[in-house]
Amino acid sequence: MKSLRNIAVGIVASVGVAFVPGASASAAVLYNFTGQCSADCTGSATGVLTLNDSYTPGSALALADFVSFVFVSDTEPWSVLSQADVGGFGGALPVLSGIATFGLIADNSDPFRELHSSSSSGGWSTIDTFFAPPAPQGRTHLWELQPSPVPLPAALPLYGTGLGLMGLFGWWRRRRAAAA
């Protein structure tokens, strides 16, 4: 009878631990930028904007949300890799995908860079040091939210629950064999 009690306590503890919420790793919010070139570049320009995990897609942007931005066109690749290099940052990005009013000014980088996109005109443009070419721009653009990976649950509580259930079934089988 004492072993039955120990098994029951073990199962209850294992199942209880399996459903205790733990700290899960949060993923950064990623937006991909694609702009069709109409001047100072050909094809399309692309970019990846990384925001903190606390940013809610569709809400207004704040400097605290910024992590990094990388821009690439056939004539001008550049990046802003820290908040310290940002002189201005704002706008609102779409919940899933679409055009957006967005502005990023990298005033501490050398050379000076800017990217602007407009939800009213659909256009986008970059500005280089002293407005010197190349300064890629276009008439259409798209911001697209990338899905974040879902963190897996902790394996140890699930493992413990499985062992507890195996112990219960083993005890039940031995009990049935002894009764027969």
N, C-alpha and C. Protein backbone atom coordinates (compact mmCIF):
# COMPACT_ATOMS: atom_id res chain seq x y z
N MET A 1 0.82 -1.19 0.00
CA MET A 1 0.00 0.00 0.00
C MET A 1 0.87 1.26 0.00
N LYS A 2 2.03 1.15 0.69
CA LYS A 2 2.93 2.29 0.74
C LYS A 2 3.50 2.59 -0.65
N SER A 3 3.79 1.53 -1.44
CA SER A 3 4.33 1.75 -2.79
C SER A 3 3.28 2.40 -3.69
N LEU A 4 2.01 2.04 -3.51
CA LEU A 4 0.95 2.67 -4.29
C LEU A 4 0.88 4.16 -3.98
N ARG A 5 1.00 4.50 -2.73
CA ARG A 5 0.97 5.91 -2.34
C ARG A 5 2.16 6.66 -2.94
N ASN A 6 3.35 6.06 -2.92
CA ASN A 6 4.53 6.69 -3.51
C ASN A 6 4.36 6.91 -5.00
N ILE A 7 3.79 5.92 -5.69
CA ILE A 7 3.56 6.05 -7.13
C ILE A 7 2.56 7.16 -7.40
N ALA A 8 1.48 7.20 -6.65
CA ALA A 8 0.46 8.23 -6.85
C ALA A 8 1.03 9.62 -6.60
N VAL A 9 1.83 9.77 -5.55
CA VAL A 9 2.46 11.07 -5.26
C VAL A 9 3.41 11.45 -6.39
N GLY A 10 4.16 10.49 -6.90
CA GLY A 10 5.08 10.75 -8.01
C GLY A 10 4.36 11.19 -9.27
N ILE A 11 3.24 10.56 -9.57
CA ILE A 11 2.47 10.92 -10.77
C ILE A 11 1.87 12.31 -10.61
N VAL A 12 1.28 12.58 -9.46
CA VAL A 12 0.69 13.90 -9.23
C VAL A 12 1.76 14.98 -9.34
N ALA A 13 2.93 14.74 -8.76
CA ALA A 13 4.02 15.73 -8.83
C ALA A 13 4.50 15.91 -10.26
N SER A 14 4.63 14.82 -11.00
CA SER A 14 5.09 14.91 -12.40
C SER A 14 4.11 15.67 -13.27
N VAL A 15 2.84 15.35 -13.14
CA VAL A 15 1.82 16.04 -13.93
C VAL A 15 1.74 17.50 -13.52
N GLY A 16 1.84 17.77 -12.23
CA GLY A 16 1.80 19.16 -11.77
C GLY A 16 2.96 19.98 -12.30
N VAL A 17 4.15 19.41 -12.31
CA VAL A 17 5.33 20.11 -12.80
C VAL A 17 5.24 20.32 -14.32
N ALA A 18 4.61 19.39 -15.03
CA ALA A 18 4.53 19.49 -16.49
C ALA A 18 3.74 20.71 -16.93
N PHE A 19 2.80 21.15 -16.12
CA PHE A 19 1.96 22.28 -16.52
C PHE A 19 2.29 23.59 -15.83
N VAL A 20 3.41 23.63 -15.11
CA VAL A 20 3.85 24.88 -14.50
C VAL A 20 4.45 25.75 -15.60
N PRO A 21 3.94 26.97 -15.76
CA PRO A 21 4.51 27.82 -16.81
C PRO A 21 5.93 28.22 -16.46
N GLY A 22 6.80 28.11 -17.42
CA GLY A 22 8.19 28.50 -17.24
C GLY A 22 8.52 29.67 -18.12
N ALA A 23 9.69 30.21 -17.92
CA ALA A 23 10.14 31.31 -18.76
C ALA A 23 10.47 30.76 -20.13
N SER A 24 9.83 31.29 -21.14
CA SER A 24 10.11 30.85 -22.49
C SER A 24 10.90 31.92 -23.22
N ALA A 25 11.73 31.49 -24.13
CA ALA A 25 12.53 32.43 -24.90
C ALA A 25 11.63 33.16 -25.89
N SER A 26 11.73 34.46 -25.91
CA SER A 26 10.94 35.24 -26.84
C SER A 26 11.76 35.52 -28.09
N ALA A 27 11.08 35.48 -29.19
CA ALA A 27 11.76 35.73 -30.46
C ALA A 27 11.58 37.19 -30.85
N ALA A 28 12.59 37.72 -31.52
CA ALA A 28 12.51 39.10 -32.01
C ALA A 28 11.45 39.18 -33.11
N VAL A 29 10.92 40.37 -33.31
CA VAL A 29 9.94 40.62 -34.36
C VAL A 29 10.70 41.05 -35.61
N LEU A 30 10.50 40.35 -36.72
CA LEU A 30 11.22 40.64 -37.96
C LEU A 30 10.26 41.11 -39.04
N TYR A 31 10.63 42.18 -39.72
CA TYR A 31 9.90 42.67 -40.88
C TYR A 31 10.84 42.67 -42.08
N ASN A 32 10.38 42.15 -43.20
CA ASN A 32 11.13 42.23 -44.46
C ASN A 32 10.58 43.39 -45.26
N PHE A 33 11.49 44.20 -45.80
CA PHE A 33 11.13 45.32 -46.67
C PHE A 33 11.51 44.95 -48.10
N THR A 34 10.60 45.19 -49.04
CA THR A 34 10.89 45.02 -50.46
C THR A 34 10.37 46.24 -51.19
N GLY A 35 11.23 46.88 -51.94
CA GLY A 35 10.83 48.05 -52.72
C GLY A 35 11.25 47.92 -54.16
N GLN A 36 10.32 48.15 -55.08
CA GLN A 36 10.65 48.13 -56.51
C GLN A 36 11.39 49.42 -56.85
N CYS A 37 12.55 49.29 -57.46
CA CYS A 37 13.38 50.45 -57.80
C CYS A 37 12.82 51.21 -59.00
N SER A 38 12.88 52.54 -58.90
CA SER A 38 12.53 53.38 -60.05
C SER A 38 13.63 54.39 -60.35
N ALA A 39 14.56 54.58 -59.43
CA ALA A 39 15.67 55.51 -59.66
C ALA A 39 16.87 55.10 -58.81
N ASP A 40 18.05 55.23 -59.37
CA ASP A 40 19.33 54.96 -58.70
C ASP A 40 19.52 53.52 -58.24
N CYS A 41 18.71 52.61 -58.76
CA CYS A 41 18.90 51.18 -58.54
C CYS A 41 18.05 50.43 -59.57
N THR A 42 18.32 49.16 -59.75
CA THR A 42 17.52 48.35 -60.67
C THR A 42 16.97 47.16 -59.93
N GLY A 43 15.86 46.63 -60.42
CA GLY A 43 15.23 45.48 -59.78
C GLY A 43 14.50 45.90 -58.52
N SER A 44 14.90 45.30 -57.43
CA SER A 44 14.27 45.65 -56.15
C SER A 44 15.32 45.80 -55.07
N ALA A 45 14.99 46.60 -54.09
CA ALA A 45 15.81 46.77 -52.90
C ALA A 45 15.14 46.00 -51.77
N THR A 46 15.94 45.47 -50.88
CA THR A 46 15.39 44.70 -49.77
C THR A 46 15.98 45.18 -48.45
N GLY A 47 15.31 44.85 -47.39
CA GLY A 47 15.80 45.19 -46.06
C GLY A 47 15.19 44.27 -45.02
N VAL A 48 15.85 44.16 -43.90
CA VAL A 48 15.33 43.38 -42.77
C VAL A 48 15.39 44.27 -41.54
N LEU A 49 14.23 44.52 -40.94
CA LEU A 49 14.12 45.31 -39.73
C LEU A 49 13.87 44.36 -38.57
N THR A 50 14.73 44.41 -37.57
CA THR A 50 14.59 43.57 -36.38
C THR A 50 14.14 44.46 -35.23
N LEU A 51 13.05 44.07 -34.58
CA LEU A 51 12.49 44.82 -33.46
C LEU A 51 12.50 43.94 -32.22
N ASN A 52 12.44 44.58 -31.05
CA ASN A 52 12.36 43.84 -29.79
C ASN A 52 11.11 42.99 -29.74
N ASP A 53 11.17 41.93 -28.93
CA ASP A 53 10.03 41.03 -28.80
C ASP A 53 8.82 41.70 -28.15
N SER A 54 9.00 42.85 -27.54
CA SER A 54 7.88 43.54 -26.89
C SER A 54 7.05 44.36 -27.88
N TYR A 55 7.53 44.53 -29.13
CA TYR A 55 6.78 45.30 -30.12
C TYR A 55 5.53 44.54 -30.56
N THR A 56 4.40 45.24 -30.62
CA THR A 56 3.14 44.67 -31.09
C THR A 56 2.94 45.09 -32.54
N PRO A 57 2.91 44.13 -33.48
CA PRO A 57 2.72 44.48 -34.89
C PRO A 57 1.46 45.32 -35.09
N GLY A 58 1.60 46.38 -35.88
CA GLY A 58 0.50 47.29 -36.16
C GLY A 58 0.49 48.52 -35.28
N SER A 59 1.27 48.53 -34.21
CA SER A 59 1.30 49.68 -33.31
C SER A 59 2.40 50.65 -33.73
N ALA A 60 2.38 51.84 -33.13
CA ALA A 60 3.38 52.86 -33.44
C ALA A 60 4.77 52.41 -32.99
N LEU A 61 5.77 52.76 -33.78
CA LEU A 61 7.15 52.40 -33.45
C LEU A 61 7.76 53.42 -32.51
N ALA A 62 8.61 52.94 -31.61
CA ALA A 62 9.38 53.80 -30.71
C ALA A 62 10.84 53.35 -30.79
N LEU A 63 11.74 54.23 -30.43
CA LEU A 63 13.17 53.90 -30.49
C LEU A 63 13.50 52.67 -29.64
N ALA A 64 12.79 52.49 -28.54
CA ALA A 64 13.03 51.34 -27.67
C ALA A 64 12.73 50.02 -28.38
N ASP A 65 11.92 50.05 -29.44
CA ASP A 65 11.59 48.84 -30.20
C ASP A 65 12.71 48.42 -31.15
N PHE A 66 13.59 49.34 -31.51
CA PHE A 66 14.59 49.11 -32.56
C PHE A 66 15.72 48.19 -32.08
N VAL A 67 16.09 47.22 -32.93
CA VAL A 67 17.26 46.39 -32.70
C VAL A 67 18.27 46.59 -33.83
N SER A 68 17.85 46.40 -35.08
CA SER A 68 18.77 46.60 -36.21
C SER A 68 17.99 46.72 -37.52
N PHE A 69 18.67 47.26 -38.54
CA PHE A 69 18.10 47.33 -39.88
C PHE A 69 19.23 47.14 -40.88
N VAL A 70 18.99 46.29 -41.87
CA VAL A 70 19.95 46.05 -42.95
C VAL A 70 19.24 46.30 -44.26
N PHE A 71 19.84 47.15 -45.12
CA PHE A 71 19.26 47.54 -46.41
C PHE A 71 20.23 47.13 -47.52
N VAL A 72 19.68 46.56 -48.60
CA VAL A 72 20.51 46.14 -49.72
C VAL A 72 19.82 46.49 -51.03
N SER A 73 20.54 47.19 -51.89
CA SER A 73 20.13 47.38 -53.29
C SER A 73 21.35 47.09 -54.14
N ASP A 74 21.17 47.09 -55.45
CA ASP A 74 22.33 46.79 -56.30
C ASP A 74 23.37 47.91 -56.30
N THR A 75 23.01 49.09 -55.79
CA THR A 75 23.96 50.20 -55.76
C THR A 75 24.37 50.64 -54.37
N GLU A 76 23.63 50.22 -53.34
CA GLU A 76 23.89 50.77 -52.02
C GLU A 76 23.47 49.83 -50.89
N PRO A 77 24.39 49.02 -50.35
CA PRO A 77 24.07 48.27 -49.14
C PRO A 77 24.50 49.07 -47.90
N TRP A 78 23.67 49.06 -46.85
CA TRP A 78 24.05 49.70 -45.60
C TRP A 78 23.26 49.09 -44.46
N SER A 79 23.71 49.35 -43.24
CA SER A 79 23.04 48.78 -42.07
C SER A 79 23.16 49.71 -40.88
N VAL A 80 22.21 49.57 -39.98
CA VAL A 80 22.21 50.26 -38.69
C VAL A 80 22.05 49.15 -37.66
N LEU A 81 23.08 48.94 -36.84
CA LEU A 81 23.10 47.77 -35.98
C LEU A 81 22.89 48.05 -34.50
N SER A 82 22.63 49.30 -34.13
CA SER A 82 22.35 49.58 -32.71
C SER A 82 21.50 50.84 -32.57
N GLN A 83 20.84 50.96 -31.43
CA GLN A 83 20.04 52.16 -31.15
C GLN A 83 20.91 53.40 -31.07
N ALA A 84 22.17 53.24 -30.71
CA ALA A 84 23.07 54.39 -30.58
C ALA A 84 23.29 55.08 -31.92
N ASP A 85 23.10 54.37 -33.02
CA ASP A 85 23.30 54.94 -34.35
C ASP A 85 22.03 55.52 -34.95
N VAL A 86 20.95 55.52 -34.21
CA VAL A 86 19.67 55.99 -34.74
C VAL A 86 19.42 57.42 -34.31
N GLY A 87 19.18 58.29 -35.29
CA GLY A 87 18.86 59.69 -35.00
C GLY A 87 17.37 59.95 -35.03
N GLY A 88 16.64 59.13 -35.74
CA GLY A 88 15.19 59.26 -35.82
C GLY A 88 14.60 57.93 -36.24
N PHE A 89 13.47 57.58 -35.64
CA PHE A 89 12.85 56.29 -35.91
C PHE A 89 11.38 56.42 -35.60
N GLY A 90 10.52 56.04 -36.52
CA GLY A 90 9.10 56.12 -36.24
C GLY A 90 8.25 55.59 -37.36
N GLY A 91 6.95 55.64 -37.13
CA GLY A 91 5.99 55.14 -38.09
C GLY A 91 5.15 54.06 -37.47
N ALA A 92 4.46 53.32 -38.31
CA ALA A 92 3.65 52.19 -37.87
C ALA A 92 3.70 51.15 -38.97
N LEU A 93 4.06 49.94 -38.62
CA LEU A 93 4.16 48.86 -39.59
C LEU A 93 2.88 48.05 -39.60
N PRO A 94 2.57 47.37 -40.71
CA PRO A 94 1.32 46.61 -40.79
C PRO A 94 1.34 45.40 -39.86
N VAL A 95 0.14 44.90 -39.56
CA VAL A 95 0.03 43.72 -38.70
C VAL A 95 0.64 42.51 -39.39
N LEU A 96 0.33 42.28 -40.66
CA LEU A 96 0.92 41.17 -41.40
C LEU A 96 1.78 41.65 -42.55
N SER A 97 1.17 42.28 -43.54
CA SER A 97 1.95 42.83 -44.65
C SER A 97 1.19 43.96 -45.31
N GLY A 98 1.92 44.85 -45.94
CA GLY A 98 1.33 45.97 -46.64
C GLY A 98 2.29 47.14 -46.69
N ILE A 99 1.80 48.25 -47.24
CA ILE A 99 2.62 49.46 -47.27
C ILE A 99 2.52 50.14 -45.92
N ALA A 100 3.51 50.95 -45.59
CA ALA A 100 3.54 51.57 -44.27
C ALA A 100 4.26 52.90 -44.30
N THR A 101 3.86 53.77 -43.37
CA THR A 101 4.61 54.99 -43.14
C THR A 101 5.71 54.65 -42.16
N PHE A 102 6.94 54.87 -42.58
CA PHE A 102 8.10 54.44 -41.80
C PHE A 102 9.24 55.41 -42.04
N GLY A 103 10.02 55.67 -41.02
CA GLY A 103 11.21 56.50 -41.17
C GLY A 103 12.32 56.04 -40.27
N LEU A 104 13.52 55.96 -40.82
CA LEU A 104 14.71 55.60 -40.05
C LEU A 104 15.82 56.55 -40.48
N ILE A 105 16.39 57.25 -39.52
CA ILE A 105 17.51 58.15 -39.78
C ILE A 105 18.71 57.63 -38.99
N ALA A 106 19.77 57.30 -39.71
CA ALA A 106 20.99 56.79 -39.08
C ALA A 106 22.01 57.91 -39.08
N ASP A 107 21.97 58.76 -38.07
CA ASP A 107 22.83 59.95 -38.08
C ASP A 107 24.23 59.71 -37.55
N ASN A 108 24.46 58.61 -36.86
CA ASN A 108 25.80 58.35 -36.35
C ASN A 108 26.61 57.45 -37.26
N SER A 109 26.02 57.05 -38.38
CA SER A 109 26.76 56.18 -39.29
C SER A 109 27.57 57.05 -40.25
N ASP A 110 28.56 56.47 -40.85
CA ASP A 110 29.35 57.20 -41.83
C ASP A 110 29.36 56.38 -43.10
N PRO A 111 28.71 56.79 -44.15
CA PRO A 111 28.04 58.08 -44.29
C PRO A 111 26.63 58.06 -43.72
N PHE A 112 26.06 59.24 -43.59
CA PHE A 112 24.70 59.45 -43.12
C PHE A 112 23.71 58.74 -44.04
N ARG A 113 22.70 58.07 -43.47
CA ARG A 113 21.71 57.33 -44.28
C ARG A 113 20.31 57.55 -43.73
N GLU A 114 19.33 57.46 -44.62
CA GLU A 114 17.92 57.49 -44.23
C GLU A 114 17.13 56.56 -45.13
N LEU A 115 16.04 56.03 -44.60
CA LEU A 115 15.05 55.30 -45.39
C LEU A 115 13.68 55.81 -44.97
N HIS A 116 12.87 56.15 -45.95
CA HIS A 116 11.50 56.58 -45.69
C HIS A 116 10.57 55.80 -46.60
N SER A 117 9.41 55.41 -46.08
CA SER A 117 8.36 54.83 -46.91
C SER A 117 7.05 55.48 -46.53
N SER A 118 6.14 55.56 -47.48
CA SER A 118 4.88 56.27 -47.27
C SER A 118 3.69 55.36 -47.53
N SER A 119 2.72 55.39 -46.62
CA SER A 119 1.51 54.61 -46.83
C SER A 119 0.52 55.36 -47.72
N SER A 120 0.67 56.67 -47.84
CA SER A 120 -0.26 57.43 -48.69
C SER A 120 0.12 57.32 -50.17
N SER A 121 1.40 57.43 -50.50
CA SER A 121 1.81 57.35 -51.91
C SER A 121 2.29 55.96 -52.30
N GLY A 122 2.69 55.16 -51.32
CA GLY A 122 3.25 53.84 -51.61
C GLY A 122 4.71 53.89 -51.98
N GLY A 123 5.27 55.09 -52.07
CA GLY A 123 6.67 55.25 -52.47
C GLY A 123 7.63 55.07 -51.32
N TRP A 124 8.91 54.97 -51.67
CA TRP A 124 9.98 54.85 -50.69
C TRP A 124 11.21 55.54 -51.24
N SER A 125 12.08 55.97 -50.35
CA SER A 125 13.31 56.62 -50.79
C SER A 125 14.38 56.48 -49.72
N THR A 126 15.62 56.58 -50.18
CA THR A 126 16.76 56.63 -49.27
C THR A 126 17.46 57.96 -49.50
N ILE A 127 18.19 58.40 -48.50
CA ILE A 127 18.98 59.62 -48.61
C ILE A 127 20.38 59.26 -48.17
N ASP A 128 21.35 59.72 -48.93
CA ASP A 128 22.75 59.45 -48.66
C ASP A 128 23.40 60.74 -48.15
N THR A 129 24.67 60.67 -47.78
CA THR A 129 25.40 61.83 -47.29
C THR A 129 25.28 62.99 -48.26
N PHE A 130 24.84 64.12 -47.77
CA PHE A 130 24.71 65.35 -48.56
C PHE A 130 23.90 65.13 -49.84
N PHE A 131 22.94 64.20 -49.76
CA PHE A 131 22.05 63.90 -50.89
C PHE A 131 22.83 63.49 -52.13
N ALA A 132 23.98 62.86 -51.93
CA ALA A 132 24.81 62.43 -53.05
C ALA A 132 24.29 61.11 -53.61
N PRO A 133 24.31 60.95 -54.93
CA PRO A 133 23.89 59.68 -55.50
C PRO A 133 24.88 58.59 -55.14
N PRO A 134 24.54 57.32 -55.12
CA PRO A 134 23.20 56.86 -55.42
C PRO A 134 22.29 56.96 -54.20
N ALA A 135 21.05 57.26 -54.46
CA ALA A 135 20.03 57.30 -53.42
C ALA A 135 18.81 56.55 -53.95
N PRO A 136 18.82 55.21 -53.83
CA PRO A 136 17.74 54.41 -54.40
C PRO A 136 16.37 54.87 -53.92
N GLN A 137 15.41 54.77 -54.83
CA GLN A 137 14.03 55.10 -54.50
C GLN A 137 13.09 54.34 -55.41
N GLY A 138 11.82 54.31 -55.04
CA GLY A 138 10.85 53.59 -55.84
C GLY A 138 9.44 54.06 -55.57
N ARG A 139 8.52 53.56 -56.40
CA ARG A 139 7.11 53.97 -56.30
C ARG A 139 6.26 52.98 -55.52
N THR A 140 6.75 51.76 -55.34
CA THR A 140 5.98 50.76 -54.59
C THR A 140 6.90 50.06 -53.59
N HIS A 141 6.31 49.66 -52.48
CA HIS A 141 7.06 48.92 -51.46
C HIS A 141 6.12 48.02 -50.68
N LEU A 142 6.69 47.12 -49.90
CA LEU A 142 5.92 46.20 -49.07
C LEU A 142 6.72 45.88 -47.81
N TRP A 143 6.06 45.99 -46.66
CA TRP A 143 6.62 45.53 -45.39
C TRP A 143 5.88 44.24 -45.05
N GLU A 144 6.62 43.19 -44.71
CA GLU A 144 6.00 41.91 -44.42
C GLU A 144 6.53 41.34 -43.12
N LEU A 145 5.61 41.05 -42.19
CA LEU A 145 5.97 40.45 -40.91
C LEU A 145 6.36 38.99 -41.11
N GLN A 146 7.50 38.61 -40.57
CA GLN A 146 7.94 37.22 -40.65
C GLN A 146 7.45 36.47 -39.41
N PRO A 147 6.89 35.27 -39.60
CA PRO A 147 6.42 34.53 -38.43
C PRO A 147 7.57 34.15 -37.51
N SER A 148 7.33 34.26 -36.22
CA SER A 148 8.34 33.91 -35.22
C SER A 148 8.21 32.45 -34.86
N PRO A 149 9.33 31.79 -34.58
CA PRO A 149 9.25 30.40 -34.14
C PRO A 149 8.61 30.32 -32.75
N VAL A 150 7.84 29.27 -32.53
CA VAL A 150 7.20 29.06 -31.24
C VAL A 150 8.15 28.26 -30.36
N PRO A 151 8.51 28.78 -29.18
CA PRO A 151 9.42 28.04 -28.31
C PRO A 151 8.81 26.72 -27.85
N LEU A 152 9.61 25.69 -27.84
CA LEU A 152 9.14 24.38 -27.40
C LEU A 152 9.05 24.35 -25.87
N PRO A 153 8.13 23.55 -25.33
CA PRO A 153 8.05 23.46 -23.87
C PRO A 153 9.29 22.77 -23.31
N ALA A 154 9.51 22.96 -22.03
CA ALA A 154 10.65 22.33 -21.37
C ALA A 154 10.49 20.82 -21.42
N ALA A 155 11.55 20.11 -21.71
CA ALA A 155 11.49 18.66 -21.89
C ALA A 155 11.46 17.89 -20.57
N LEU A 156 12.10 18.41 -19.54
CA LEU A 156 12.20 17.66 -18.28
C LEU A 156 10.84 17.35 -17.65
N PRO A 157 9.90 18.30 -17.54
CA PRO A 157 8.60 17.94 -16.97
C PRO A 157 7.85 16.89 -17.80
N LEU A 158 7.97 16.97 -19.12
CA LEU A 158 7.31 15.97 -19.96
C LEU A 158 7.95 14.60 -19.77
N TYR A 159 9.26 14.57 -19.66
CA TYR A 159 9.97 13.32 -19.42
C TYR A 159 9.55 12.71 -18.09
N GLY A 160 9.48 13.55 -17.05
CA GLY A 160 9.05 13.08 -15.73
C GLY A 160 7.63 12.54 -15.74
N THR A 161 6.74 13.20 -16.46
CA THR A 161 5.36 12.73 -16.56
C THR A 161 5.31 11.38 -17.25
N GLY A 162 6.09 11.22 -18.32
CA GLY A 162 6.13 9.94 -19.03
C GLY A 162 6.62 8.82 -18.14
N LEU A 163 7.68 9.08 -17.38
CA LEU A 163 8.19 8.05 -16.46
C LEU A 163 7.16 7.71 -15.39
N GLY A 164 6.46 8.72 -14.89
CA GLY A 164 5.43 8.48 -13.88
C GLY A 164 4.30 7.62 -14.42
N LEU A 165 3.87 7.89 -15.64
CA LEU A 165 2.81 7.09 -16.24
C LEU A 165 3.27 5.66 -16.51
N MET A 166 4.53 5.50 -16.94
CA MET A 166 5.06 4.15 -17.14
C MET A 166 5.10 3.39 -15.82
N GLY A 167 5.47 4.06 -14.74
CA GLY A 167 5.47 3.43 -13.42
C GLY A 167 4.07 3.01 -12.99
N LEU A 168 3.08 3.85 -13.26
CA LEU A 168 1.69 3.53 -12.92
C LEU A 168 1.22 2.31 -13.69
N PHE A 169 1.48 2.27 -14.98
CA PHE A 169 1.05 1.13 -15.78
C PHE A 169 1.77 -0.15 -15.35
N GLY A 170 3.06 -0.04 -14.99
CA GLY A 170 3.79 -1.21 -14.49
C GLY A 170 3.21 -1.71 -13.18
N TRP A 171 2.87 -0.81 -12.28
CA TRP A 171 2.27 -1.20 -11.00
C TRP A 171 0.91 -1.86 -11.25
N TRP A 172 0.12 -1.27 -12.15
CA TRP A 172 -1.21 -1.80 -12.44
C TRP A 172 -1.10 -3.20 -13.04
N ARG A 173 -0.11 -3.42 -13.93
CA ARG A 173 0.08 -4.73 -14.54
C ARG A 173 0.50 -5.77 -13.50
N ARG A 174 1.42 -5.40 -12.60
CA ARG A 174 1.86 -6.33 -11.55
C ARG A 174 0.70 -6.66 -10.61
N ARG A 175 -0.12 -5.69 -10.32
CA ARG A 175 -1.27 -5.91 -9.42
C ARG A 175 -2.26 -6.87 -10.06
N ARG A 176 -2.52 -6.69 -11.37
CA ARG A 176 -3.45 -7.59 -12.07
C ARG A 176 -2.88 -9.01 -12.13
N ALA A 177 -1.55 -9.12 -12.33
CA ALA A 177 -0.93 -10.45 -12.41
C ALA A 177 -0.98 -11.14 -11.04
N ALA A 178 -0.81 -10.39 -9.96
CA ALA A 178 -0.85 -10.98 -8.62
C ALA A 178 -2.26 -11.40 -8.24
N ALA A 179 -3.27 -10.68 -8.74
CA ALA A 179 -4.65 -11.00 -8.42
C ALA A 179 -5.13 -12.23 -9.19
N ALA A 180 -4.49 -12.53 -10.31
CA ALA A 180 -4.96 -13.65 -11.14
C ALA A 180 -4.50 -14.98 -10.65
